[in-house]
Amino acid sequence: MHLSLQTIALFVASVASQRLTKPPLQQNLDNLKQGFLNNLGVVGNSRSGFQAGYIPSNCKKIVQREGFNPADITTVTIKYDDCSAPWILCYHKNSNGPITDLINTFARVPVRTRQFVRHVVTLPATSGHAYNDGGDIAMFGDTINNINVYIHESAHSLDLLGAYKDKPLSSSQKWLSEYAQDADVPDPYSQTNQVENVAQNTVVTTYERNVPGGFFGLNKDANKIFHQYATVDTEQREAGTLLVKGGSCTGRLANSNPVTVSGTNVKIAAAALPDVALPAGLVVVAAKDFNTKDSCKDAF
């Protein structure tokens, strides 16, 4: 029997969405936070406002979908020293921390990973959770200053936007065959499905590549996830050392178009809109539709 490529792709994708049964190596990855804070420094940055009355359309979409009012969002343009293009970030006035938490925690994400994130939106919540919607990250509750979560959510962009040679990595035959050789997954959240497992292994790999002693010096049983780690590490290295700090951006997702905060349908001359175009010389990362909300964690 000969199966079509489409049938094989659908089968692999269904496998990637199934819950995993391998045991967790650790109960969580909280023990990585301090190492990240000590070794992933806050990249220098400057802040400017966004044109009054406007908001990026993707920010507005997330804010309204989650039941919030776009009028309560402060939109800021942040120019980090390691990239020629600024990021446009969206902060709810009642977020669970100051806007500097958003700006400075995002600044710690290695730039060649950060470049695969379009916007970050922070919203108030009683529990911490987050998801990635096509390269836009929605952060809730106290995740606003949780570096693990920023790396995890950015990892979804690397995987699902196709930053790696094997794409999407989480549903590739390469990943599934290497996963099969390991005894464990990093933590219980990794058991959700292969998309979340790749993201948590990306957190592990980022730690290994940036923190002295690395993850394998932190956990004596880390070899139980060696093939998963090694696969992420090889893929990120071949794609341009995406998970290693330092250097500068090489590309960016195009910003979403600015729209009015009020939602009126009045036609506005293009010259009056905020300029969100990327500067010349940056590779524009191809946009793709995906949303990890259904598997986002209830609490980090």
Protein backbone atom coordinates (compact mmCIF):
# COMPACT_ATOMS: atom_id res chain seq x y z
CA MET A 1 0.00 0.00 0.00
CA HIS A 2 1.32 3.43 -0.97
CA LEU A 3 0.35 6.39 1.21
CA SER A 4 0.26 9.90 -0.19
CA LEU A 5 2.56 12.55 1.25
CA GLN A 6 -0.54 14.39 2.52
CA THR A 7 -1.73 11.27 4.39
CA ILE A 8 1.70 10.78 5.94
CA ALA A 9 1.84 14.44 6.97
CA LEU A 10 -1.58 14.24 8.61
CA PHE A 11 -0.56 11.10 10.49
CA VAL A 12 2.66 12.69 11.76
CA ALA A 13 0.75 15.84 12.82
CA SER A 14 -1.79 13.73 14.74
CA VAL A 15 1.03 11.93 16.55
CA ALA A 16 2.53 15.30 17.49
CA SER A 17 -0.74 16.39 19.12
CA GLN A 18 -1.16 13.30 21.31
CA ARG A 19 -0.42 13.27 25.03
CA LEU A 20 2.97 11.79 25.86
CA THR A 21 3.44 8.92 28.29
CA LYS A 22 7.14 9.15 29.10
CA PRO A 23 7.74 10.18 32.74
CA PRO A 24 8.94 13.69 33.63
CA LEU A 25 12.59 14.17 34.53
CA GLN A 26 11.72 17.06 36.88
CA GLN A 27 8.49 18.32 38.44
CA ASN A 28 8.97 21.68 36.72
CA LEU A 29 11.74 23.84 35.26
CA ASP A 30 11.61 26.50 37.98
CA ASN A 31 15.18 25.72 39.00
CA LEU A 32 16.36 27.23 35.69
CA LYS A 33 15.02 30.74 36.32
CA GLN A 34 17.86 32.06 38.45
CA GLY A 35 20.50 30.82 36.04
CA PHE A 36 18.72 32.62 33.22
CA LEU A 37 18.47 35.82 35.25
CA ASN A 38 22.17 35.63 36.13
CA ASN A 39 23.37 34.95 32.59
CA LEU A 40 20.86 36.34 30.10
CA GLY A 41 21.35 40.06 30.66
CA VAL A 42 18.83 42.79 29.90
CA VAL A 43 19.78 44.12 26.48
CA GLY A 44 19.99 47.90 26.39
CA ASN A 45 16.85 49.51 25.05
CA SER A 46 15.04 52.78 24.49
CA ARG A 47 11.30 53.35 24.69
CA SER A 48 8.99 55.60 22.71
CA GLY A 49 5.24 55.89 22.54
CA PHE A 50 2.98 54.65 19.77
CA GLN A 51 0.82 57.12 17.91
CA ALA A 52 -2.15 58.06 20.09
CA GLY A 53 -5.42 56.41 19.16
CA TYR A 54 -3.81 53.44 17.40
CA ILE A 55 -2.89 49.88 18.30
CA PRO A 56 -1.39 47.01 16.27
CA SER A 57 -4.25 44.97 14.81
CA ASN A 58 -2.95 41.68 16.22
CA CYS A 59 -2.74 43.17 19.73
CA LYS A 60 -6.29 44.42 19.43
CA LYS A 61 -7.48 41.01 18.22
CA ILE A 62 -5.98 39.23 21.25
CA VAL A 63 -7.17 41.87 23.72
CA GLN A 64 -10.77 41.74 22.49
CA ARG A 65 -10.81 37.95 22.19
CA GLU A 66 -9.82 37.73 25.86
CA GLY A 67 -12.62 40.10 26.88
CA PHE A 68 -10.56 43.24 27.54
CA ASN A 69 -10.93 46.81 26.29
CA PRO A 70 -8.25 48.01 23.82
CA ALA A 71 -8.59 51.47 25.39
CA ASP A 72 -6.86 50.04 28.49
CA ILE A 73 -3.76 49.06 26.50
CA THR A 74 -0.56 51.08 26.47
CA THR A 75 1.28 50.44 23.21
CA VAL A 76 5.01 51.12 23.24
CA THR A 77 7.79 50.93 20.69
CA ILE A 78 10.97 49.40 22.11
CA LYS A 79 14.27 49.67 20.28
CA TYR A 80 16.64 47.04 21.62
CA ASP A 81 20.33 47.64 21.00
CA ASP A 82 20.77 44.29 19.23
CA CYS A 83 18.30 44.85 16.39
CA SER A 84 17.76 47.59 13.82
CA ALA A 85 13.97 47.17 14.02
CA PRO A 86 12.03 48.00 17.19
CA TRP A 87 9.37 45.78 18.72
CA ILE A 88 5.84 47.02 19.35
CA LEU A 89 4.60 45.73 22.72
CA CYS A 90 1.11 45.99 24.21
CA TYR A 91 0.60 46.35 27.96
CA HIS A 92 -2.72 46.31 29.83
CA LYS A 93 -2.89 48.92 32.59
CA ASN A 94 -3.84 46.24 35.16
CA SER A 95 -1.16 43.74 34.18
CA ASN A 96 0.39 41.86 37.10
CA GLY A 97 3.57 43.92 37.08
CA PRO A 98 4.98 47.18 35.72
CA ILE A 99 5.56 47.68 32.00
CA THR A 100 9.31 47.48 32.66
CA ASP A 101 8.83 43.79 33.55
CA LEU A 102 7.54 43.19 30.03
CA ILE A 103 10.26 45.25 28.35
CA ASN A 104 13.19 43.90 30.34
CA THR A 105 12.18 40.23 30.54
CA PHE A 106 11.63 40.12 26.78
CA ALA A 107 15.06 41.77 26.43
CA ARG A 108 16.67 38.70 28.02
CA VAL A 109 15.47 36.35 25.26
CA PRO A 110 18.39 35.71 22.85
CA VAL A 111 17.89 38.05 19.92
CA ARG A 112 17.87 35.41 17.17
CA THR A 113 15.00 33.75 19.04
CA ARG A 114 13.32 37.07 19.87
CA GLN A 115 13.25 37.98 16.18
CA PHE A 116 10.62 35.28 15.61
CA VAL A 117 8.16 37.10 17.91
CA ARG A 118 6.02 39.88 16.44
CA HIS A 119 4.19 41.42 19.41
CA VAL A 120 3.87 40.58 23.12
CA VAL A 121 0.61 41.39 24.91
CA THR A 122 0.35 41.33 28.72
CA LEU A 123 -3.05 40.97 30.39
CA PRO A 124 -4.17 40.71 34.02
CA ALA A 125 -5.16 37.32 35.45
CA THR A 126 -5.28 35.50 38.77
CA SER A 127 -3.17 32.64 37.40
CA GLY A 128 -0.16 32.64 35.13
CA HIS A 129 -0.54 31.25 31.63
CA ALA A 130 0.43 32.18 28.09
CA TYR A 131 0.04 31.20 24.46
CA ASN A 132 1.48 31.97 21.04
CA ASP A 133 -0.84 33.04 18.23
CA GLY A 134 1.09 32.97 14.97
CA GLY A 135 4.11 34.72 16.48
CA ASP A 136 2.18 37.04 18.82
CA ILE A 137 2.57 36.07 22.47
CA ALA A 138 -0.21 36.64 25.02
CA MET A 139 1.03 36.67 28.62
CA PHE A 140 -1.36 36.48 31.58
CA GLY A 141 -0.89 37.08 35.28
CA ASP A 142 2.55 36.80 36.81
CA THR A 143 4.13 35.39 33.66
CA ILE A 144 4.93 39.03 32.84
CA ASN A 145 8.34 38.61 34.50
CA ASN A 146 8.90 34.85 34.07
CA ILE A 147 11.85 34.35 31.72
CA ASN A 148 11.09 30.62 31.36
CA VAL A 149 7.71 31.47 29.87
CA TYR A 150 9.12 34.03 27.43
CA ILE A 151 11.61 31.43 26.16
CA HIS A 152 8.94 28.71 26.04
CA GLU A 153 6.48 30.84 24.07
CA SER A 154 9.21 32.11 21.74
CA ALA A 155 10.16 28.47 21.18
CA HIS A 156 6.73 27.87 19.64
CA SER A 157 7.58 30.50 17.05
CA LEU A 158 10.87 28.78 16.20
CA ASP A 159 9.12 25.45 15.84
CA LEU A 160 5.86 26.40 14.14
CA LEU A 161 7.09 29.26 11.94
CA GLY A 162 9.71 26.95 10.48
CA ALA A 163 12.98 28.36 11.80
CA TYR A 164 14.59 24.91 11.75
CA LYS A 165 15.67 22.65 8.90
CA ASP A 166 13.14 20.01 9.99
CA LYS A 167 9.88 21.95 10.04
CA PRO A 168 7.73 22.02 12.02
CA LEU A 169 10.21 20.32 14.29
CA SER A 170 7.55 18.99 16.67
CA SER A 171 5.85 16.95 13.93
CA SER A 172 8.95 15.94 11.98
CA GLN A 173 10.09 12.36 11.58
CA LYS A 174 13.51 13.48 12.83
CA TRP A 175 12.08 14.69 16.14
CA LEU A 176 9.82 11.70 16.68
CA SER A 177 12.62 9.20 16.03
CA GLU A 178 14.99 10.99 18.43
CA TYR A 179 12.25 11.33 21.07
CA ALA A 180 11.66 7.58 20.87
CA GLN A 181 15.22 6.93 22.07
CA ASP A 182 14.81 8.80 25.37
CA ALA A 183 13.41 7.53 28.66
CA ASP A 184 11.91 10.83 29.90
CA VAL A 185 10.59 14.23 28.95
CA PRO A 186 11.75 17.36 30.82
CA ASP A 187 8.69 17.94 33.05
CA PRO A 188 4.93 17.26 33.33
CA TYR A 189 4.07 20.13 30.99
CA SER A 190 6.16 18.44 28.30
CA GLN A 191 3.74 15.51 28.46
CA THR A 192 0.93 17.67 26.99
CA ASN A 193 1.97 16.94 23.39
CA GLN A 194 5.03 17.17 21.16
CA VAL A 195 4.52 20.90 20.50
CA GLU A 196 4.82 21.65 24.22
CA ASN A 197 7.58 19.08 24.59
CA VAL A 198 9.71 20.79 21.94
CA ALA A 199 9.10 24.13 23.67
CA GLN A 200 10.20 22.82 27.07
CA ASN A 201 13.23 21.13 25.53
CA THR A 202 14.04 24.51 24.00
CA VAL A 203 14.04 26.02 27.50
CA VAL A 204 16.45 23.25 28.55
CA THR A 205 18.68 23.81 25.52
CA THR A 206 18.74 27.58 26.04
CA TYR A 207 19.91 26.96 29.60
CA GLU A 208 22.56 24.49 28.49
CA ARG A 209 23.92 26.92 25.90
CA ASN A 210 23.99 30.09 28.06
CA VAL A 211 24.46 29.15 31.72
CA PRO A 212 27.82 27.89 33.06
CA GLY A 213 27.53 24.24 34.03
CA GLY A 214 24.42 23.94 31.91
CA PHE A 215 21.39 21.73 32.44
CA PHE A 216 23.49 18.58 32.37
CA GLY A 217 25.48 19.90 35.32
CA LEU A 218 22.24 20.69 37.15
CA ASN A 219 20.52 17.32 36.81
CA LYS A 220 22.56 14.12 37.06
CA ASP A 221 19.85 12.21 35.15
CA ALA A 222 19.69 14.65 32.24
CA ASN A 223 20.86 11.96 29.81
CA LYS A 224 17.32 10.61 29.99
CA ILE A 225 16.33 13.46 27.64
CA PHE A 226 19.62 13.63 25.74
CA HIS A 227 18.31 12.89 22.24
CA GLN A 228 15.57 15.51 22.54
CA TYR A 229 18.04 18.12 23.80
CA ALA A 230 20.63 17.21 21.15
CA THR A 231 18.05 17.49 18.37
CA VAL A 232 16.97 20.99 19.43
CA ASP A 233 20.61 21.98 19.86
CA THR A 234 21.62 20.74 16.42
CA GLU A 235 18.64 22.38 14.73
CA GLN A 236 19.20 25.76 16.43
CA ARG A 237 22.92 25.69 15.67
CA GLU A 238 22.39 24.88 11.99
CA ALA A 239 19.80 27.67 11.76
CA GLY A 240 22.27 30.27 13.09
CA THR A 241 22.74 29.62 16.83
CA LEU A 242 19.23 30.87 17.54
CA LEU A 243 19.30 30.06 21.26
CA VAL A 244 22.68 31.60 22.09
CA LYS A 245 22.86 35.11 23.54
CA GLY A 246 24.73 37.93 21.83
CA GLY A 247 24.96 39.05 18.24
CA SER A 248 22.19 40.85 16.40
CA CYS A 249 18.94 40.12 14.64
CA THR A 250 19.00 38.89 11.04
CA GLY A 251 15.27 38.97 10.32
CA ARG A 252 11.89 39.82 11.76
CA LEU A 253 8.23 39.04 11.48
CA ALA A 254 6.47 41.97 9.83
CA ASN A 255 4.48 44.06 12.29
CA SER A 256 0.69 43.88 12.13
CA ASN A 257 -1.05 46.88 10.62
CA PRO A 258 -2.05 49.71 12.98
CA VAL A 259 -5.78 50.17 13.58
CA THR A 260 -7.78 52.61 15.65
CA VAL A 261 -8.26 51.77 19.33
CA SER A 262 -11.90 52.85 19.16
CA GLY A 263 -12.81 50.45 16.39
CA THR A 264 -14.40 53.03 14.12
CA ASN A 265 -14.46 52.22 10.43
CA VAL A 266 -13.46 55.71 9.30
CA LYS A 267 -11.00 55.61 6.41
CA ILE A 268 -7.61 57.03 7.35
CA ALA A 269 -4.99 58.26 4.91
CA ALA A 270 -1.93 56.03 4.91
CA ALA A 271 0.28 59.02 5.70
CA ALA A 272 -1.57 59.49 8.99
CA LEU A 273 -0.95 55.93 10.21
CA PRO A 274 1.97 54.96 12.44
CA ASP A 275 4.92 53.71 10.40
CA VAL A 276 5.49 50.06 11.34
CA ALA A 277 7.57 49.02 8.33
CA LEU A 278 10.75 47.05 8.92
CA PRO A 279 14.03 48.68 7.91
CA ALA A 280 15.81 47.53 4.77
CA GLY A 281 18.28 44.70 5.17
CA LEU A 282 16.26 42.45 7.46
CA VAL A 283 14.90 39.16 6.19
CA VAL A 284 11.12 39.11 6.61
CA VAL A 285 10.10 35.91 8.41
CA ALA A 286 7.20 34.22 6.64
CA ALA A 287 3.96 34.40 8.63
CA LYS A 288 2.03 31.21 9.39
CA ASP A 289 -1.25 30.56 11.19
CA PHE A 290 -1.09 28.59 14.42
CA ASN A 291 -2.36 29.01 17.96
CA THR A 292 -1.17 27.15 21.07
CA LYS A 293 -3.98 28.43 23.30
CA ASP A 294 -5.69 25.03 23.59
CA SER A 295 -2.57 23.51 25.14
CA CYS A 296 -1.41 26.53 27.11
CA LYS A 297 -0.61 25.80 30.72
CA ASP A 298 -3.05 26.81 33.43
CA ALA A 299 -0.23 27.91 35.72
CA PHE A 300 3.54 28.17 35.32
